[in-house]
Amino acid sequence: MVKIMNDKMKELVRLSSESSALDRDIIEKQLEIKKRIMRVSGLISLYRIKKGSDPPVELLKIRDRLFNEYMKK
């Protein structure tokens, strides 16, 4: 998942240099979504380390929903 996100970010950075204001707005939203995904993924990892078990399903659903939203744009 991280590799896909990084590849998409490289594409977004490339496009940002040759894009309009509307495109830049979309890119900024993508960056915000990526930050949220990374935060939730960090919480999931921390939960696994501290508790030694799988995180609550709600956290996994949030991460999956954010990732799907990220990949749509």
C-alpha atoms as a PDB file:
ATOM      1  CA  MET A   1       0.000   0.000   0.000  1.00  0.00           C
ATOM      2  CA  VAL A   2       2.826   2.403   0.859  1.00  0.00           C
ATOM      3  CA  LYS A   3       4.567   1.745  -2.483  1.00  0.00           C
ATOM      4  CA  ILE A   4       1.359   2.531  -4.375  1.00  0.00           C
ATOM      5  CA  MET A   5       0.937   5.741  -2.378  1.00  0.00           C
ATOM      6  CA  ASN A   6       4.547   6.778  -2.976  1.00  0.00           C
ATOM      7  CA  ASP A   7       4.242   6.153  -6.726  1.00  0.00           C
ATOM      8  CA  LYS A   8       1.066   8.193  -6.823  1.00  0.00           C
ATOM      9  CA  MET A   9       2.753  10.994  -4.850  1.00  0.00           C
ATOM     10  CA  LYS A  10       5.621  11.129  -7.361  1.00  0.00           C
ATOM     11  CA  GLU A  11       3.051  11.493 -10.117  1.00  0.00           C
ATOM     12  CA  LEU A  12       1.259  14.246  -8.180  1.00  0.00           C
ATOM     13  CA  VAL A  13       4.483  16.174  -7.602  1.00  0.00           C
ATOM     14  CA  ARG A  14       5.308  15.938 -11.301  1.00  0.00           C
ATOM     15  CA  LEU A  15       1.855  17.172 -12.239  1.00  0.00           C
ATOM     16  CA  SER A  16       1.948  19.995  -9.696  1.00  0.00           C
ATOM     17  CA  SER A  17       4.735  21.758 -11.556  1.00  0.00           C
ATOM     18  CA  GLU A  18       2.663  21.927 -14.737  1.00  0.00           C
ATOM     19  CA  SER A  19      -0.816  22.295 -13.305  1.00  0.00           C
ATOM     20  CA  SER A  20      -3.467  24.930 -12.847  1.00  0.00           C
ATOM     21  CA  ALA A  21      -4.830  26.246  -9.553  1.00  0.00           C
ATOM     22  CA  LEU A  22      -7.665  23.710  -9.646  1.00  0.00           C
ATOM     23  CA  ASP A  23      -5.196  20.867 -10.078  1.00  0.00           C
ATOM     24  CA  ARG A  24      -3.111  22.205  -7.206  1.00  0.00           C
ATOM     25  CA  ASP A  25      -6.200  22.184  -4.990  1.00  0.00           C
ATOM     26  CA  ILE A  26      -6.771  18.523  -5.849  1.00  0.00           C
ATOM     27  CA  ILE A  27      -3.115  17.750  -5.134  1.00  0.00           C
ATOM     28  CA  GLU A  28      -3.339  19.476  -1.748  1.00  0.00           C
ATOM     29  CA  LYS A  29      -6.392  17.383  -0.886  1.00  0.00           C
ATOM     30  CA  GLN A  30      -4.487  14.244  -1.902  1.00  0.00           C
ATOM     31  CA  LEU A  31      -1.614  15.211   0.382  1.00  0.00           C
ATOM     32  CA  GLU A  32      -4.030  15.754   3.278  1.00  0.00           C
ATOM     33  CA  ILE A  33      -5.601  12.341   2.703  1.00  0.00           C
ATOM     34  CA  LYS A  34      -2.142  10.752   2.613  1.00  0.00           C
ATOM     35  CA  LYS A  35      -1.303  12.371   5.953  1.00  0.00           C
ATOM     36  CA  ARG A  36      -4.489  10.943   7.454  1.00  0.00           C
ATOM     37  CA  ILE A  37      -3.700   7.491   6.083  1.00  0.00           C
ATOM     38  CA  MET A  38      -0.224   7.616   7.596  1.00  0.00           C
ATOM     39  CA  ARG A  39      -1.629   8.701  10.989  1.00  0.00           C
ATOM     40  CA  VAL A  40      -4.176   5.891  11.046  1.00  0.00           C
ATOM     41  CA  SER A  41      -1.541   3.386   9.900  1.00  0.00           C
ATOM     42  CA  GLY A  42       0.676   4.602  12.736  1.00  0.00           C
ATOM     43  CA  LEU A  43      -2.143   4.080  15.228  1.00  0.00           C
ATOM     44  CA  ILE A  44      -2.693   0.578  13.882  1.00  0.00           C
ATOM     45  CA  SER A  45       1.021  -0.243  14.221  1.00  0.00           C
ATOM     46  CA  LEU A  46       1.163   1.237  17.707  1.00  0.00           C
ATOM     47  CA  TYR A  47      -1.881  -0.770  18.755  1.00  0.00           C
ATOM     48  CA  ARG A  48      -0.300  -3.974  17.466  1.00  0.00           C
ATOM     49  CA  ILE A  49       2.957  -3.253  19.297  1.00  0.00           C
ATOM     50  CA  LYS A  50       1.386  -2.213  22.609  1.00  0.00           C
ATOM     51  CA  LYS A  51      -1.504  -4.678  22.788  1.00  0.00           C
ATOM     52  CA  GLY A  52       0.048  -7.525  20.829  1.00  0.00           C
ATOM     53  CA  SER A  53      -3.179  -8.154  18.964  1.00  0.00           C
ATOM     54  CA  ASP A  54      -5.089  -6.929  15.956  1.00  0.00           C
ATOM     55  CA  PRO A  55      -6.478  -3.388  16.170  1.00  0.00           C
ATOM     56  CA  PRO A  56     -10.203  -2.664  16.292  1.00  0.00           C
ATOM     57  CA  VAL A  57     -11.976  -3.280  13.008  1.00  0.00           C
ATOM     58  CA  GLU A  58     -13.090   0.367  12.968  1.00  0.00           C
ATOM     59  CA  LEU A  59      -9.482   1.528  12.564  1.00  0.00           C
ATOM     60  CA  LEU A  60      -8.925  -0.853   9.680  1.00  0.00           C
ATOM     61  CA  LYS A  61     -12.137   0.320   8.014  1.00  0.00           C
ATOM     62  CA  ILE A  62     -11.096   3.961   8.376  1.00  0.00           C
ATOM     63  CA  ARG A  63      -7.712   3.223   6.808  1.00  0.00           C
ATOM     64  CA  ASP A  64      -9.305   1.306   3.932  1.00  0.00           C
ATOM     65  CA  ARG A  65     -11.881   4.044   3.332  1.00  0.00           C
ATOM     66  CA  LEU A  66      -9.179   6.729   3.253  1.00  0.00           C
ATOM     67  CA  PHE A  67      -7.013   4.636   0.930  1.00  0.00           C
ATOM     68  CA  ASN A  68      -9.931   4.099  -1.462  1.00  0.00           C
ATOM     69  CA  GLU A  69     -10.687   7.828  -1.389  1.00  0.00           C
ATOM     70  CA  TYR A  70      -7.015   8.537  -2.084  1.00  0.00           C
ATOM     71  CA  MET A  71      -6.905   6.204  -5.073  1.00  0.00           C
ATOM     72  CA  LYS A  72     -10.081   7.627  -6.661  1.00  0.00           C
ATOM     73  CA  LYS A  73      -8.530  11.019  -7.351  1.00  0.00           C
END
